[in-house]
Amino acid sequence: MLSVGGRRGEAYRLPGAELYDFFQRYNEDDWESALAACHVALDKHPGNALILYNIACMESRLGPGDAALEALRESVEKWPRFKENAQKDDDFTSLRDDARLLELVR
């Protein structure tokens, strides 16, 4: 069997499979654990736009918006379509009136 993208001697894992823990925690409204799972995934996939977007979502739910906005900025730089998602995403409710968010997603 040929597996492209895997490492020799290791079982192949789909990129982003680490996010399974994130989605499980997210669905349980456990924002802190979901954020921790995102950071584990980001360590394995530095700069991944989806992981950065999810970090922004969790940071927004957990507190002050600076960390959320920074992660979102990085995410939309890498994948501009996330601007559209962020405009409607309930995870950003706490930042809805923040001019910095409005600037990022327009």
PDB file of N, CA and C in Angstrom:
ATOM      1  N   MET A   1       0.843  -1.155   0.000  1.00  0.00           N
ATOM      2  CA  MET A   1       0.000   0.000   0.000  1.00  0.00           C
ATOM      3  C   MET A   1       0.897   1.229   0.000  1.00  0.00           C
ATOM      4  N   LEU A   2       0.532   2.205  -0.791  1.00  0.00           N
ATOM      5  CA  LEU A   2       1.263   3.459  -0.864  1.00  0.00           C
ATOM      6  C   LEU A   2       0.486   4.522  -0.103  1.00  0.00           C
ATOM      7  N   SER A   3       1.166   5.213   0.768  1.00  0.00           N
ATOM      8  CA  SER A   3       0.558   6.303   1.538  1.00  0.00           C
ATOM      9  C   SER A   3       1.397   7.542   1.344  1.00  0.00           C
ATOM     10  N   VAL A   4       0.809   8.552   0.742  1.00  0.00           N
ATOM     11  CA  VAL A   4       1.520   9.795   0.497  1.00  0.00           C
ATOM     12  C   VAL A   4       1.285  10.735   1.673  1.00  0.00           C
ATOM     13  N   GLY A   5       2.359  11.309   2.176  1.00  0.00           N
ATOM     14  CA  GLY A   5       2.220  12.273   3.257  1.00  0.00           C
ATOM     15  C   GLY A   5       2.516  11.697   4.622  1.00  0.00           C
ATOM     16  N   GLY A   6       2.608  10.397   4.707  1.00  0.00           N
ATOM     17  CA  GLY A   6       2.915   9.773   5.990  1.00  0.00           C
ATOM     18  C   GLY A   6       4.412   9.774   6.252  1.00  0.00           C
ATOM     19  N   ARG A   7       4.763   9.457   7.470  1.00  0.00           N
ATOM     20  CA  ARG A   7       6.172   9.350   7.824  1.00  0.00           C
ATOM     21  C   ARG A   7       6.547   7.885   7.883  1.00  0.00           C
ATOM     22  N   ARG A   8       7.726   7.592   7.417  1.00  0.00           N
ATOM     23  CA  ARG A   8       8.211   6.222   7.395  1.00  0.00           C
ATOM     24  C   ARG A   8       8.180   5.623   8.795  1.00  0.00           C
ATOM     25  N   GLY A   9       7.604   4.437   8.915  1.00  0.00           N
ATOM     26  CA  GLY A   9       7.571   3.741  10.191  1.00  0.00           C
ATOM     27  C   GLY A   9       6.440   4.163  11.111  1.00  0.00           C
ATOM     28  N   GLU A  10       5.596   5.099  10.688  1.00  0.00           N
ATOM     29  CA  GLU A  10       4.478   5.566  11.511  1.00  0.00           C
ATOM     30  C   GLU A  10       3.168   5.336  10.768  1.00  0.00           C
ATOM     31  N   ALA A  11       2.129   5.049  11.513  1.00  0.00           N
ATOM     32  CA  ALA A  11       0.813   4.914  10.901  1.00  0.00           C
ATOM     33  C   ALA A  11       0.375   6.262  10.357  1.00  0.00           C
ATOM     34  N   TYR A  12      -0.255   6.244   9.193  1.00  0.00           N
ATOM     35  CA  TYR A  12      -0.728   7.478   8.596  1.00  0.00           C
ATOM     36  C   TYR A  12      -1.951   7.992   9.346  1.00  0.00           C
ATOM     37  N   ARG A  13      -1.944   9.265   9.638  1.00  0.00           N
ATOM     38  CA  ARG A  13      -3.094   9.918  10.275  1.00  0.00           C
ATOM     39  C   ARG A  13      -3.518  11.061   9.383  1.00  0.00           C
ATOM     40  N   LEU A  14      -4.805  11.220   9.227  1.00  0.00           N
ATOM     41  CA  LEU A  14      -5.303  12.334   8.441  1.00  0.00           C
ATOM     42  C   LEU A  14      -4.903  13.645   9.101  1.00  0.00           C
ATOM     43  N   PRO A  15      -4.483  14.624   8.311  1.00  0.00           N
ATOM     44  CA  PRO A  15      -4.178  15.925   8.901  1.00  0.00           C
ATOM     45  C   PRO A  15      -5.414  16.477   9.614  1.00  0.00           C
ATOM     46  N   GLY A  16      -5.212  17.003  10.783  1.00  0.00           N
ATOM     47  CA  GLY A  16      -6.321  17.564  11.535  1.00  0.00           C
ATOM     48  C   GLY A  16      -7.065  16.559  12.386  1.00  0.00           C
ATOM     49  N   ALA A  17      -6.647  15.293  12.363  1.00  0.00           N
ATOM     50  CA  ALA A  17      -7.326  14.285  13.182  1.00  0.00           C
ATOM     51  C   ALA A  17      -7.255  14.650  14.654  1.00  0.00           C
ATOM     52  N   GLU A  18      -6.245  15.456  15.008  1.00  0.00           N
ATOM     53  CA  GLU A  18      -6.107  15.903  16.393  1.00  0.00           C
ATOM     54  C   GLU A  18      -7.297  16.756  16.827  1.00  0.00           C
ATOM     55  N   LEU A  19      -8.019  17.308  15.854  1.00  0.00           N
ATOM     56  CA  LEU A  19      -9.159  18.163  16.187  1.00  0.00           C
ATOM     57  C   LEU A  19     -10.359  17.370  16.700  1.00  0.00           C
ATOM     58  N   TYR A  20     -10.297  16.046  16.625  1.00  0.00           N
ATOM     59  CA  TYR A  20     -11.404  15.245  17.162  1.00  0.00           C
ATOM     60  C   TYR A  20     -11.658  15.622  18.625  1.00  0.00           C
ATOM     61  N   ASP A  21     -10.597  15.724  19.427  1.00  0.00           N
ATOM     62  CA  ASP A  21     -10.750  16.119  20.830  1.00  0.00           C
ATOM     63  C   ASP A  21     -11.368  17.506  20.945  1.00  0.00           C
ATOM     64  N   PHE A  22     -10.962  18.397  20.050  1.00  0.00           N
ATOM     65  CA  PHE A  22     -11.537  19.741  20.065  1.00  0.00           C
ATOM     66  C   PHE A  22     -13.047  19.680  19.880  1.00  0.00           C
ATOM     67  N   PHE A  23     -13.501  19.001  18.836  1.00  0.00           N
ATOM     68  CA  PHE A  23     -14.933  18.975  18.545  1.00  0.00           C
ATOM     69  C   PHE A  23     -15.727  18.302  19.660  1.00  0.00           C
ATOM     70  N   GLN A  24     -15.159  17.273  20.245  1.00  0.00           N
ATOM     71  CA  GLN A  24     -15.830  16.620  21.370  1.00  0.00           C
ATOM     72  C   GLN A  24     -15.997  17.601  22.529  1.00  0.00           C
ATOM     73  N   ARG A  25     -14.941  18.304  22.888  1.00  0.00           N
ATOM     74  CA  ARG A  25     -14.989  19.279  23.994  1.00  0.00           C
ATOM     75  C   ARG A  25     -15.891  20.462  23.645  1.00  0.00           C
ATOM     76  N   TYR A  26     -15.817  20.904  22.403  1.00  0.00           N
ATOM     77  CA  TYR A  26     -16.648  22.011  21.950  1.00  0.00           C
ATOM     78  C   TYR A  26     -18.133  21.656  22.094  1.00  0.00           C
ATOM     79  N   ASN A  27     -18.490  20.464  21.676  1.00  0.00           N
ATOM     80  CA  ASN A  27     -19.882  20.036  21.761  1.00  0.00           C
ATOM     81  C   ASN A  27     -20.353  19.881  23.203  1.00  0.00           C
ATOM     82  N   GLU A  28     -19.422  19.764  24.133  1.00  0.00           N
ATOM     83  CA  GLU A  28     -19.746  19.695  25.563  1.00  0.00           C
ATOM     84  C   GLU A  28     -19.681  21.078  26.221  1.00  0.00           C
ATOM     85  N   ASP A  29     -19.474  22.128  25.438  1.00  0.00           N
ATOM     86  CA  ASP A  29     -19.321  23.499  25.939  1.00  0.00           C
ATOM     87  C   ASP A  29     -18.163  23.630  26.924  1.00  0.00           C
ATOM     88  N   ASP A  30     -17.141  22.826  26.741  1.00  0.00           N
ATOM     89  CA  ASP A  30     -15.941  22.878  27.581  1.00  0.00           C
ATOM     90  C   ASP A  30     -14.879  23.668  26.817  1.00  0.00           C
ATOM     91  N   TRP A  31     -15.027  24.994  26.852  1.00  0.00           N
ATOM     92  CA  TRP A  31     -14.198  25.872  26.029  1.00  0.00           C
ATOM     93  C   TRP A  31     -12.716  25.783  26.375  1.00  0.00           C
ATOM     94  N   GLU A  32     -12.377  25.663  27.646  1.00  0.00           N
ATOM     95  CA  GLU A  32     -10.961  25.605  28.033  1.00  0.00           C
ATOM     96  C   GLU A  32     -10.293  24.344  27.495  1.00  0.00           C
ATOM     97  N   SER A  33     -10.964  23.211  27.629  1.00  0.00           N
ATOM     98  CA  SER A  33     -10.391  21.964  27.102  1.00  0.00           C
ATOM     99  C   SER A  33     -10.358  21.976  25.579  1.00  0.00           C
ATOM    100  N   ALA A  34     -11.364  22.575  24.966  1.00  0.00           N
ATOM    101  CA  ALA A  34     -11.378  22.684  23.503  1.00  0.00           C
ATOM    102  C   ALA A  34     -10.204  23.542  23.027  1.00  0.00           C
ATOM    103  N   LEU A  35      -9.949  24.632  23.734  1.00  0.00           N
ATOM    104  CA  LEU A  35      -8.817  25.485  23.393  1.00  0.00           C
ATOM    105  C   LEU A  35      -7.500  24.723  23.550  1.00  0.00           C
ATOM    106  N   ALA A  36      -7.368  23.974  24.620  1.00  0.00           N
ATOM    107  CA  ALA A  36      -6.146  23.184  24.839  1.00  0.00           C
ATOM    108  C   ALA A  36      -5.948  22.176  23.703  1.00  0.00           C
ATOM    109  N   ALA A  37      -7.028  21.543  23.262  1.00  0.00           N
ATOM    110  CA  ALA A  37      -6.937  20.580  22.157  1.00  0.00           C
ATOM    111  C   ALA A  37      -6.493  21.278  20.875  1.00  0.00           C
ATOM    112  N   CYS A  38      -6.952  22.493  20.670  1.00  0.00           N
ATOM    113  CA  CYS A  38      -6.528  23.256  19.489  1.00  0.00           C
ATOM    114  C   CYS A  38      -5.028  23.550  19.531  1.00  0.00           C
ATOM    115  N   HIS A  39      -4.539  23.887  20.708  1.00  0.00           N
ATOM    116  CA  HIS A  39      -3.107  24.185  20.816  1.00  0.00           C
ATOM    117  C   HIS A  39      -2.256  22.937  20.565  1.00  0.00           C
ATOM    118  N   VAL A  40      -2.741  21.783  20.994  1.00  0.00           N
ATOM    119  CA  VAL A  40      -2.032  20.529  20.692  1.00  0.00           C
ATOM    120  C   VAL A  40      -2.003  20.319  19.178  1.00  0.00           C
ATOM    121  N   ALA A  41      -3.141  20.529  18.519  1.00  0.00           N
ATOM    122  CA  ALA A  41      -3.209  20.374  17.064  1.00  0.00           C
ATOM    123  C   ALA A  41      -2.320  21.390  16.356  1.00  0.00           C
ATOM    124  N   LEU A  42      -2.295  22.625  16.846  1.00  0.00           N
ATOM    125  CA  LEU A  42      -1.475  23.660  16.217  1.00  0.00           C
ATOM    126  C   LEU A  42       0.014  23.352  16.354  1.00  0.00           C
ATOM    127  N   ASP A  43       0.408  22.726  17.468  1.00  0.00           N
ATOM    128  CA  ASP A  43       1.802  22.314  17.625  1.00  0.00           C
ATOM    129  C   ASP A  43       2.203  21.329  16.528  1.00  0.00           C
ATOM    130  N   LYS A  44       1.254  20.490  16.120  1.00  0.00           N
ATOM    131  CA  LYS A  44       1.542  19.490  15.090  1.00  0.00           C
ATOM    132  C   LYS A  44       1.382  20.046  13.678  1.00  0.00           C
ATOM    133  N   HIS A  45       0.578  21.100  13.559  1.00  0.00           N
ATOM    134  CA  HIS A  45       0.300  21.696  12.249  1.00  0.00           C
ATOM    135  C   HIS A  45       0.400  23.226  12.350  1.00  0.00           C
ATOM    136  N   PRO A  46       1.612  23.739  12.546  1.00  0.00           N
ATOM    137  CA  PRO A  46       1.788  25.186  12.719  1.00  0.00           C
ATOM    138  C   PRO A  46       1.211  25.978  11.544  1.00  0.00           C
ATOM    139  N   GLY A  47       0.501  27.048  11.883  1.00  0.00           N
ATOM    140  CA  GLY A  47      -0.034  27.925  10.860  1.00  0.00           C
ATOM    141  C   GLY A  47      -1.309  27.459  10.193  1.00  0.00           C
ATOM    142  N   ASN A  48      -1.874  26.345  10.628  1.00  0.00           N
ATOM    143  CA  ASN A  48      -3.095  25.818  10.020  1.00  0.00           C
ATOM    144  C   ASN A  48      -4.254  26.785  10.251  1.00  0.00           C
ATOM    145  N   ALA A  49      -4.865  27.250   9.166  1.00  0.00           N
ATOM    146  CA  ALA A  49      -5.916  28.273   9.249  1.00  0.00           C
ATOM    147  C   ALA A  49      -7.146  27.794  10.019  1.00  0.00           C
ATOM    148  N   LEU A  50      -7.547  26.536   9.830  1.00  0.00           N
ATOM    149  CA  LEU A  50      -8.724  26.018  10.540  1.00  0.00           C
ATOM    150  C   LEU A  50      -8.472  25.955  12.038  1.00  0.00           C
ATOM    151  N   ILE A  51      -7.311  25.495  12.411  1.00  0.00           N
ATOM    152  CA  ILE A  51      -6.985  25.408  13.839  1.00  0.00           C
ATOM    153  C   ILE A  51      -6.921  26.810  14.440  1.00  0.00           C
ATOM    154  N   LEU A  52      -6.304  27.740  13.735  1.00  0.00           N
ATOM    155  CA  LEU A  52      -6.243  29.127  14.214  1.00  0.00           C
ATOM    156  C   LEU A  52      -7.637  29.725  14.354  1.00  0.00           C
ATOM    157  N   TYR A  53      -8.511  29.417  13.413  1.00  0.00           N
ATOM    158  CA  TYR A  53      -9.893  29.912  13.487  1.00  0.00           C
ATOM    159  C   TYR A  53     -10.578  29.379  14.745  1.00  0.00           C
ATOM    160  N   ASN A  54     -10.395  28.094  15.010  1.00  0.00           N
ATOM    161  CA  ASN A  54     -11.020  27.504  16.194  1.00  0.00           C
ATOM    162  C   ASN A  54     -10.415  28.051  17.486  1.00  0.00           C
ATOM    163  N   ILE A  55      -9.136  28.357  17.475  1.00  0.00           N
ATOM    164  CA  ILE A  55      -8.516  29.016  18.629  1.00  0.00           C
ATOM    165  C   ILE A  55      -9.172  30.379  18.845  1.00  0.00           C
ATOM    166  N   ALA A  56      -9.367  31.117  17.762  1.00  0.00           N
ATOM    167  CA  ALA A  56     -10.027  32.422  17.868  1.00  0.00           C
ATOM    168  C   ALA A  56     -11.423  32.280  18.467  1.00  0.00           C
ATOM    169  N   CYS A  57     -12.152  31.272  18.024  1.00  0.00           N
ATOM    170  CA  CYS A  57     -13.501  31.036  18.561  1.00  0.00           C
ATOM    171  C   CYS A  57     -13.468  30.776  20.063  1.00  0.00           C
ATOM    172  N   MET A  58     -12.559  29.920  20.504  1.00  0.00           N
ATOM    173  CA  MET A  58     -12.499  29.581  21.922  1.00  0.00           C
ATOM    174  C   MET A  58     -12.011  30.757  22.751  1.00  0.00           C
ATOM    175  N   GLU A  59     -11.032  31.490  22.237  1.00  0.00           N
ATOM    176  CA  GLU A  59     -10.545  32.678  22.959  1.00  0.00           C
ATOM    177  C   GLU A  59     -11.659  33.704  23.110  1.00  0.00           C
ATOM    178  N   SER A  60     -12.473  33.839  22.090  1.00  0.00           N
ATOM    179  CA  SER A  60     -13.595  34.772  22.155  1.00  0.00           C
ATOM    180  C   SER A  60     -14.605  34.358  23.222  1.00  0.00           C
ATOM    181  N   ARG A  61     -14.856  33.068  23.334  1.00  0.00           N
ATOM    182  CA  ARG A  61     -15.803  32.568  24.337  1.00  0.00           C
ATOM    183  C   ARG A  61     -15.256  32.687  25.754  1.00  0.00           C
ATOM    184  N   LEU A  62     -13.931  32.634  25.879  1.00  0.00           N
ATOM    185  CA  LEU A  62     -13.323  32.578  27.211  1.00  0.00           C
ATOM    186  C   LEU A  62     -12.995  33.932  27.832  1.00  0.00           C
ATOM    187  N   GLY A  63     -12.897  34.965  27.037  1.00  0.00           N
ATOM    188  CA  GLY A  63     -12.525  36.204  27.703  1.00  0.00           C
ATOM    189  C   GLY A  63     -12.235  37.361  26.795  1.00  0.00           C
ATOM    190  N   PRO A  64     -11.368  38.229  27.251  1.00  0.00           N
ATOM    191  CA  PRO A  64     -11.049  39.430  26.482  1.00  0.00           C
ATOM    192  C   PRO A  64     -10.651  39.069  25.055  1.00  0.00           C
ATOM    193  N   GLY A  65     -10.956  39.951  24.140  1.00  0.00           N
ATOM    194  CA  GLY A  65     -10.854  39.622  22.731  1.00  0.00           C
ATOM    195  C   GLY A  65      -9.502  39.712  22.071  1.00  0.00           C
ATOM    196  N   ASP A  66      -8.473  40.203  22.740  1.00  0.00           N
ATOM    197  CA  ASP A  66      -7.190  40.400  22.064  1.00  0.00           C
ATOM    198  C   ASP A  66      -6.631  39.106  21.480  1.00  0.00           C
ATOM    199  N   ALA A  67      -6.605  38.044  22.253  1.00  0.00           N
ATOM    200  CA  ALA A  67      -6.073  36.764  21.768  1.00  0.00           C
ATOM    201  C   ALA A  67      -6.950  36.209  20.649  1.00  0.00           C
ATOM    202  N   ALA A  68      -8.261  36.378  20.785  1.00  0.00           N
ATOM    203  CA  ALA A  68      -9.187  35.904  19.757  1.00  0.00           C
ATOM    204  C   ALA A  68      -8.943  36.640  18.442  1.00  0.00           C
ATOM    205  N   LEU A  69      -8.805  37.927  18.524  1.00  0.00           N
ATOM    206  CA  LEU A  69      -8.609  38.729  17.315  1.00  0.00           C
ATOM    207  C   LEU A  69      -7.274  38.433  16.645  1.00  0.00           C
ATOM    208  N   GLU A  70      -6.248  38.194  17.431  1.00  0.00           N
ATOM    209  CA  GLU A  70      -4.939  37.857  16.861  1.00  0.00           C
ATOM    210  C   GLU A  70      -4.997  36.524  16.122  1.00  0.00           C
ATOM    211  N   ALA A  71      -5.610  35.518  16.736  1.00  0.00           N
ATOM    212  CA  ALA A  71      -5.735  34.210  16.084  1.00  0.00           C
ATOM    213  C   ALA A  71      -6.603  34.311  14.835  1.00  0.00           C
ATOM    214  N   LEU A  72      -7.681  35.089  14.910  1.00  0.00           N
ATOM    215  CA  LEU A  72      -8.546  35.262  13.745  1.00  0.00           C
ATOM    216  C   LEU A  72      -7.801  35.985  12.626  1.00  0.00           C
ATOM    217  N   ARG A  73      -7.022  36.994  12.976  1.00  0.00           N
ATOM    218  CA  ARG A  73      -6.233  37.710  11.964  1.00  0.00           C
ATOM    219  C   ARG A  73      -5.307  36.748  11.222  1.00  0.00           C
ATOM    220  N   GLU A  74      -4.602  35.907  11.971  1.00  0.00           N
ATOM    221  CA  GLU A  74      -3.713  34.926  11.341  1.00  0.00           C
ATOM    222  C   GLU A  74      -4.498  33.959  10.461  1.00  0.00           C
ATOM    223  N   SER A  75      -5.649  33.536  10.953  1.00  0.00           N
ATOM    224  CA  SER A  75      -6.469  32.582  10.215  1.00  0.00           C
ATOM    225  C   SER A  75      -6.946  33.150   8.884  1.00  0.00           C
ATOM    226  N   VAL A  76      -7.496  34.370   8.895  1.00  0.00           N
ATOM    227  CA  VAL A  76      -8.031  34.934   7.656  1.00  0.00           C
ATOM    228  C   VAL A  76      -6.932  35.362   6.688  1.00  0.00           C
ATOM    229  N   GLU A  77      -5.740  35.620   7.201  1.00  0.00           N
ATOM    230  CA  GLU A  77      -4.612  35.876   6.290  1.00  0.00           C
ATOM    231  C   GLU A  77      -4.298  34.626   5.480  1.00  0.00           C
ATOM    232  N   LYS A  78      -4.423  33.470   6.111  1.00  0.00           N
ATOM    233  CA  LYS A  78      -4.105  32.209   5.452  1.00  0.00           C
ATOM    234  C   LYS A  78      -5.278  31.673   4.633  1.00  0.00           C
ATOM    235  N   TRP A  79      -6.499  31.952   5.077  1.00  0.00           N
ATOM    236  CA  TRP A  79      -7.688  31.456   4.385  1.00  0.00           C
ATOM    237  C   TRP A  79      -8.778  32.536   4.473  1.00  0.00           C
ATOM    238  N   PRO A  80      -8.805  33.477   3.524  1.00  0.00           N
ATOM    239  CA  PRO A  80      -9.720  34.618   3.577  1.00  0.00           C
ATOM    240  C   PRO A  80     -11.203  34.253   3.677  1.00  0.00           C
ATOM    241  N   ARG A  81     -11.579  33.064   3.260  1.00  0.00           N
ATOM    242  CA  ARG A  81     -12.986  32.662   3.357  1.00  0.00           C
ATOM    243  C   ARG A  81     -13.491  32.612   4.800  1.00  0.00           C
ATOM    244  N   PHE A  82     -12.570  32.508   5.758  1.00  0.00           N
ATOM    245  CA  PHE A  82     -12.994  32.486   7.161  1.00  0.00           C
ATOM    246  C   PHE A  82     -13.585  33.829   7.599  1.00  0.00           C
ATOM    247  N   LYS A  83     -13.349  34.883   6.828  1.00  0.00           N
ATOM    248  CA  LYS A  83     -13.987  36.171   7.133  1.00  0.00           C
ATOM    249  C   LYS A  83     -15.502  36.014   7.114  1.00  0.00           C
ATOM    250  N   GLU A  84     -15.974  35.336   6.091  1.00  0.00           N
ATOM    251  CA  GLU A  84     -17.412  35.107   5.935  1.00  0.00           C
ATOM    252  C   GLU A  84     -17.970  34.290   7.096  1.00  0.00           C
ATOM    253  N   ASN A  85     -17.249  33.258   7.497  1.00  0.00           N
ATOM    254  CA  ASN A  85     -17.681  32.437   8.632  1.00  0.00           C
ATOM    255  C   ASN A  85     -17.785  33.283   9.894  1.00  0.00           C
ATOM    256  N   ALA A  86     -16.767  34.083  10.140  1.00  0.00           N
ATOM    257  CA  ALA A  86     -16.696  34.863  11.379  1.00  0.00           C
ATOM    258  C   ALA A  86     -17.818  35.895  11.468  1.00  0.00           C
ATOM    259  N   GLN A  87     -18.295  36.364  10.324  1.00  0.00           N
ATOM    260  CA  GLN A  87     -19.376  37.354  10.334  1.00  0.00           C
ATOM    261  C   GLN A  87     -20.643  36.805  10.982  1.00  0.00           C
ATOM    262  N   LYS A  88     -20.851  35.489  10.868  1.00  0.00           N
ATOM    263  CA  LYS A  88     -22.087  34.879  11.357  1.00  0.00           C
ATOM    264  C   LYS A  88     -21.883  33.950  12.551  1.00  0.00           C
ATOM    265  N   ASP A  89     -20.650  33.670  12.891  1.00  0.00           N
ATOM    266  CA  ASP A  89     -20.331  32.656  13.897  1.00  0.00           C
ATOM    267  C   ASP A  89     -20.701  33.128  15.306  1.00  0.00           C
ATOM    268  N   ASP A  90     -21.546  32.365  15.987  1.00  0.00           N
ATOM    269  CA  ASP A  90     -21.965  32.699  17.351  1.00  0.00           C
ATOM    270  C   ASP A  90     -20.804  32.719  18.338  1.00  0.00           C
ATOM    271  N   ASP A  91     -19.715  32.066  17.997  1.00  0.00           N
ATOM    272  CA  ASP A  91     -18.554  32.078  18.886  1.00  0.00           C
ATOM    273  C   ASP A  91     -17.989  33.488  19.057  1.00  0.00           C
ATOM    274  N   PHE A  92     -18.283  34.375  18.123  1.00  0.00           N
ATOM    275  CA  PHE A  92     -17.768  35.741  18.193  1.00  0.00           C
ATOM    276  C   PHE A  92     -18.805  36.742  18.703  1.00  0.00           C
ATOM    277  N   THR A  93     -19.864  36.266  19.318  1.00  0.00           N
ATOM    278  CA  THR A  93     -20.911  37.154  19.828  1.00  0.00           C
ATOM    279  C   THR A  93     -20.340  38.210  20.771  1.00  0.00           C
ATOM    280  N   SER A  94     -19.403  37.819  21.619  1.00  0.00           N
ATOM    281  CA  SER A  94     -18.840  38.767  22.592  1.00  0.00           C
ATOM    282  C   SER A  94     -18.061  39.898  21.911  1.00  0.00           C
ATOM    283  N   LEU A  95     -17.671  39.688  20.672  1.00  0.00           N
ATOM    284  CA  LEU A  95     -16.874  40.693  19.944  1.00  0.00           C
ATOM    285  C   LEU A  95     -17.655  41.380  18.830  1.00  0.00           C
ATOM    286  N   ARG A  96     -18.922  41.075  18.713  1.00  0.00           N
ATOM    287  CA  ARG A  96     -19.724  41.555  17.592  1.00  0.00           C
ATOM    288  C   ARG A  96     -19.640  43.074  17.393  1.00  0.00           C
ATOM    289  N   ASP A  97     -19.555  43.837  18.471  1.00  0.00           N
ATOM    290  CA  ASP A  97     -19.512  45.294  18.360  1.00  0.00           C
ATOM    291  C   ASP A  97     -18.099  45.869  18.403  1.00  0.00           C
ATOM    292  N   ASP A  98     -17.105  45.011  18.432  1.00  0.00           N
ATOM    293  CA  ASP A  98     -15.714  45.450  18.477  1.00  0.00           C
ATOM    294  C   ASP A  98     -15.281  45.888  17.066  1.00  0.00           C
ATOM    295  N   ALA A  99     -14.853  47.117  16.941  1.00  0.00           N
ATOM    296  CA  ALA A  99     -14.455  47.652  15.636  1.00  0.00           C
ATOM    297  C   ALA A  99     -13.333  46.833  15.008  1.00  0.00           C
ATOM    298  N   ARG A 100     -12.477  46.249  15.838  1.00  0.00           N
ATOM    299  CA  ARG A 100     -11.369  45.439  15.305  1.00  0.00           C
ATOM    300  C   ARG A 100     -11.891  44.191  14.610  1.00  0.00           C
ATOM    301  N   LEU A 101     -12.940  43.579  15.166  1.00  0.00           N
ATOM    302  CA  LEU A 101     -13.540  42.405  14.508  1.00  0.00           C
ATOM    303  C   LEU A 101     -14.176  42.830  13.191  1.00  0.00           C
ATOM    304  N   LEU A 102     -14.915  43.904  13.222  1.00  0.00           N
ATOM    305  CA  LEU A 102     -15.590  44.392  12.017  1.00  0.00           C
ATOM    306  C   LEU A 102     -14.579  44.669  10.913  1.00  0.00           C
ATOM    307  N   GLU A 103     -13.437  45.228  11.287  1.00  0.00           N
ATOM    308  CA  GLU A 103     -12.372  45.503  10.310  1.00  0.00           C
ATOM    309  C   GLU A 103     -11.800  44.208   9.732  1.00  0.00           C
ATOM    310  N   LEU A 104     -11.614  43.220  10.563  1.00  0.00           N
ATOM    311  CA  LEU A 104     -11.040  41.940  10.129  1.00  0.00           C
ATOM    312  C   LEU A 104     -11.935  41.187   9.161  1.00  0.00           C
ATOM    313  N   VAL A 105     -13.235  41.258   9.347  1.00  0.00           N
ATOM    314  CA  VAL A 105     -14.132  40.376   8.591  1.00  0.00           C
ATOM    315  C   VAL A 105     -14.831  41.048   7.417  1.00  0.00           C
ATOM    316  N   ARG A 106     -14.535  42.286   7.170  1.00  0.00           N
ATOM    317  CA  ARG A 106     -15.206  42.902   6.001  1.00  0.00           C
ATOM    318  C   ARG A 106     -14.408  42.753   4.746  1.00  0.00           C
TER     319      ARG A 106
END
